[in-house]
């Protein structure tokens, strides 16, 4: 039986309501919560040099990346052009 994907993210359910509401409609310059604006100075997306995947700064996978493997990108196009693939959890 096939069940189509949902836009409900249980990992974000207990968190900020604006993160859940805007998770499927992010743009290259995040806006809304203060955590997004604080991280935008470091880059809009965080990449992992080992796995070649990129994430939103609020993704739970970013906490597992060591500092020496973190790569920041200013836009989604920059990450894709450098061969990085979007995370399947946060779907940037």
C-alpha atoms as a PDB file:
ATOM      1  CA  UNK A   1       0.000   0.000   0.000  1.00  0.00           C
ATOM      2  CA  UNK A   2       1.361   3.393  -0.972  1.00  0.00           C
ATOM      3  CA  UNK A   3       0.987   6.316   1.433  1.00  0.00           C
ATOM      4  CA  UNK A   4       1.922   9.703  -0.068  1.00  0.00           C
ATOM      5  CA  UNK A   5       4.345  11.909   1.891  1.00  0.00           C
ATOM      6  CA  UNK A   6       2.894  14.371   4.344  1.00  0.00           C
ATOM      7  CA  UNK A   7       3.927  17.912   5.192  1.00  0.00           C
ATOM      8  CA  UNK A   8       3.584  17.084   8.882  1.00  0.00           C
ATOM      9  CA  UNK A   9       7.013  17.000  10.558  1.00  0.00           C
ATOM     10  CA  UNK A  10       6.730  15.384  13.998  1.00  0.00           C
ATOM     11  CA  UNK A  11      10.272  16.503  14.879  1.00  0.00           C
ATOM     12  CA  UNK A  12       9.235  20.139  14.595  1.00  0.00           C
ATOM     13  CA  UNK A  13       5.872  19.657  16.259  1.00  0.00           C
ATOM     14  CA  UNK A  14       7.071  20.556  19.743  1.00  0.00           C
ATOM     15  CA  UNK A  15       9.160  23.456  18.430  1.00  0.00           C
ATOM     16  CA  UNK A  16       8.408  26.851  17.006  1.00  0.00           C
ATOM     17  CA  UNK A  17       5.093  27.045  15.116  1.00  0.00           C
ATOM     18  CA  UNK A  18       6.591  29.316  12.435  1.00  0.00           C
ATOM     19  CA  UNK A  19       9.183  26.664  11.567  1.00  0.00           C
ATOM     20  CA  UNK A  20       6.474  24.095  10.865  1.00  0.00           C
ATOM     21  CA  UNK A  21       4.324  26.495   8.870  1.00  0.00           C
ATOM     22  CA  UNK A  22       7.173  27.699   6.647  1.00  0.00           C
ATOM     23  CA  UNK A  23       9.193  24.493   6.357  1.00  0.00           C
ATOM     24  CA  UNK A  24       7.887  23.668   2.876  1.00  0.00           C
ATOM     25  CA  UNK A  25       8.124  27.225   1.542  1.00  0.00           C
ATOM     26  CA  UNK A  26      11.631  28.372   2.486  1.00  0.00           C
ATOM     27  CA  UNK A  27      13.352  30.858   0.253  1.00  0.00           C
ATOM     28  CA  UNK A  28      17.026  31.620  -0.147  1.00  0.00           C
ATOM     29  CA  UNK A  29      16.850  34.269   2.572  1.00  0.00           C
ATOM     30  CA  UNK A  30      15.083  32.902   5.631  1.00  0.00           C
ATOM     31  CA  UNK A  31      12.907  35.215   7.662  1.00  0.00           C
ATOM     32  CA  UNK A  32      10.601  34.878  10.600  1.00  0.00           C
ATOM     33  CA  UNK A  33      12.074  33.511  13.802  1.00  0.00           C
ATOM     34  CA  UNK A  34      15.141  34.993  15.441  1.00  0.00           C
ATOM     35  CA  UNK A  35      17.085  31.716  15.132  1.00  0.00           C
ATOM     36  CA  UNK A  36      16.894  31.954  11.334  1.00  0.00           C
ATOM     37  CA  UNK A  37      18.073  35.560  11.253  1.00  0.00           C
ATOM     38  CA  UNK A  38      20.971  34.783  13.589  1.00  0.00           C
ATOM     39  CA  UNK A  39      22.123  31.921  11.397  1.00  0.00           C
ATOM     40  CA  UNK A  40      21.707  33.870   8.157  1.00  0.00           C
ATOM     41  CA  UNK A  41      24.853  35.851   8.951  1.00  0.00           C
ATOM     42  CA  UNK A  42      26.821  32.578   8.861  1.00  0.00           C
ATOM     43  CA  UNK A  43      25.038  31.344   5.725  1.00  0.00           C
ATOM     44  CA  UNK A  44      21.582  30.257   4.727  1.00  0.00           C
ATOM     45  CA  UNK A  45      22.511  26.584   4.347  1.00  0.00           C
ATOM     46  CA  UNK A  46      24.965  24.282   6.107  1.00  0.00           C
ATOM     47  CA  UNK A  47      26.712  21.531   4.156  1.00  0.00           C
ATOM     48  CA  UNK A  48      28.579  18.438   5.306  1.00  0.00           C
ATOM     49  CA  UNK A  49      31.908  18.010   3.492  1.00  0.00           C
ATOM     50  CA  UNK A  50      31.872  14.229   4.136  1.00  0.00           C
ATOM     51  CA  UNK A  51      28.369  13.334   2.977  1.00  0.00           C
ATOM     52  CA  UNK A  52      27.954  16.213   0.485  1.00  0.00           C
ATOM     53  CA  UNK A  53      24.448  16.953   1.805  1.00  0.00           C
ATOM     54  CA  UNK A  54      23.186  20.417   2.733  1.00  0.00           C
ATOM     55  CA  UNK A  55      20.668  21.411   5.394  1.00  0.00           C
ATOM     56  CA  UNK A  56      18.772  24.328   6.856  1.00  0.00           C
ATOM     57  CA  UNK A  57      20.616  25.650   9.919  1.00  0.00           C
ATOM     58  CA  UNK A  58      17.665  24.492  12.054  1.00  0.00           C
ATOM     59  CA  UNK A  59      17.859  20.851  10.883  1.00  0.00           C
ATOM     60  CA  UNK A  60      18.563  18.292  13.602  1.00  0.00           C
ATOM     61  CA  UNK A  61      21.309  16.772  11.442  1.00  0.00           C
ATOM     62  CA  UNK A  62      23.418  19.948  11.616  1.00  0.00           C
ATOM     63  CA  UNK A  63      24.121  19.277  15.289  1.00  0.00           C
ATOM     64  CA  UNK A  64      25.774  15.998  14.328  1.00  0.00           C
ATOM     65  CA  UNK A  65      28.231  17.585  11.870  1.00  0.00           C
ATOM     66  CA  UNK A  66      31.690  18.281  13.273  1.00  0.00           C
ATOM     67  CA  UNK A  67      32.896  21.862  12.951  1.00  0.00           C
ATOM     68  CA  UNK A  68      35.728  20.930  10.569  1.00  0.00           C
ATOM     69  CA  UNK A  69      33.231  19.381   8.109  1.00  0.00           C
ATOM     70  CA  UNK A  70      30.719  22.273   8.107  1.00  0.00           C
ATOM     71  CA  UNK A  71      30.477  24.290   4.898  1.00  0.00           C
ATOM     72  CA  UNK A  72      28.177  27.310   4.598  1.00  0.00           C
ATOM     73  CA  UNK A  73      26.320  28.333   1.457  1.00  0.00           C
ATOM     74  CA  UNK A  74      24.563  31.626   0.821  1.00  0.00           C
ATOM     75  CA  UNK A  75      21.982  30.068  -1.493  1.00  0.00           C
ATOM     76  CA  UNK A  76      20.534  26.714  -2.485  1.00  0.00           C
ATOM     77  CA  UNK A  77      21.932  27.114  -5.997  1.00  0.00           C
ATOM     78  CA  UNK A  78      25.465  27.489  -4.614  1.00  0.00           C
ATOM     79  CA  UNK A  79      25.161  24.177  -2.785  1.00  0.00           C
ATOM     80  CA  UNK A  80      23.704  22.335  -5.778  1.00  0.00           C
ATOM     81  CA  UNK A  81      26.316  23.782  -8.154  1.00  0.00           C
ATOM     82  CA  UNK A  82      29.090  22.503  -5.878  1.00  0.00           C
ATOM     83  CA  UNK A  83      27.680  18.974  -5.978  1.00  0.00           C
ATOM     84  CA  UNK A  84      25.774  18.911  -2.682  1.00  0.00           C
ATOM     85  CA  UNK A  85      22.446  17.089  -2.346  1.00  0.00           C
ATOM     86  CA  UNK A  86      19.457  18.295  -0.289  1.00  0.00           C
ATOM     87  CA  UNK A  87      18.816  16.660   3.092  1.00  0.00           C
ATOM     88  CA  UNK A  88      15.813  14.341   3.130  1.00  0.00           C
ATOM     89  CA  UNK A  89      14.827  15.413   6.656  1.00  0.00           C
ATOM     90  CA  UNK A  90      14.613  19.201   6.321  1.00  0.00           C
ATOM     91  CA  UNK A  91      14.187  19.290   2.502  1.00  0.00           C
ATOM     92  CA  UNK A  92      15.929  22.619   1.780  1.00  0.00           C
END
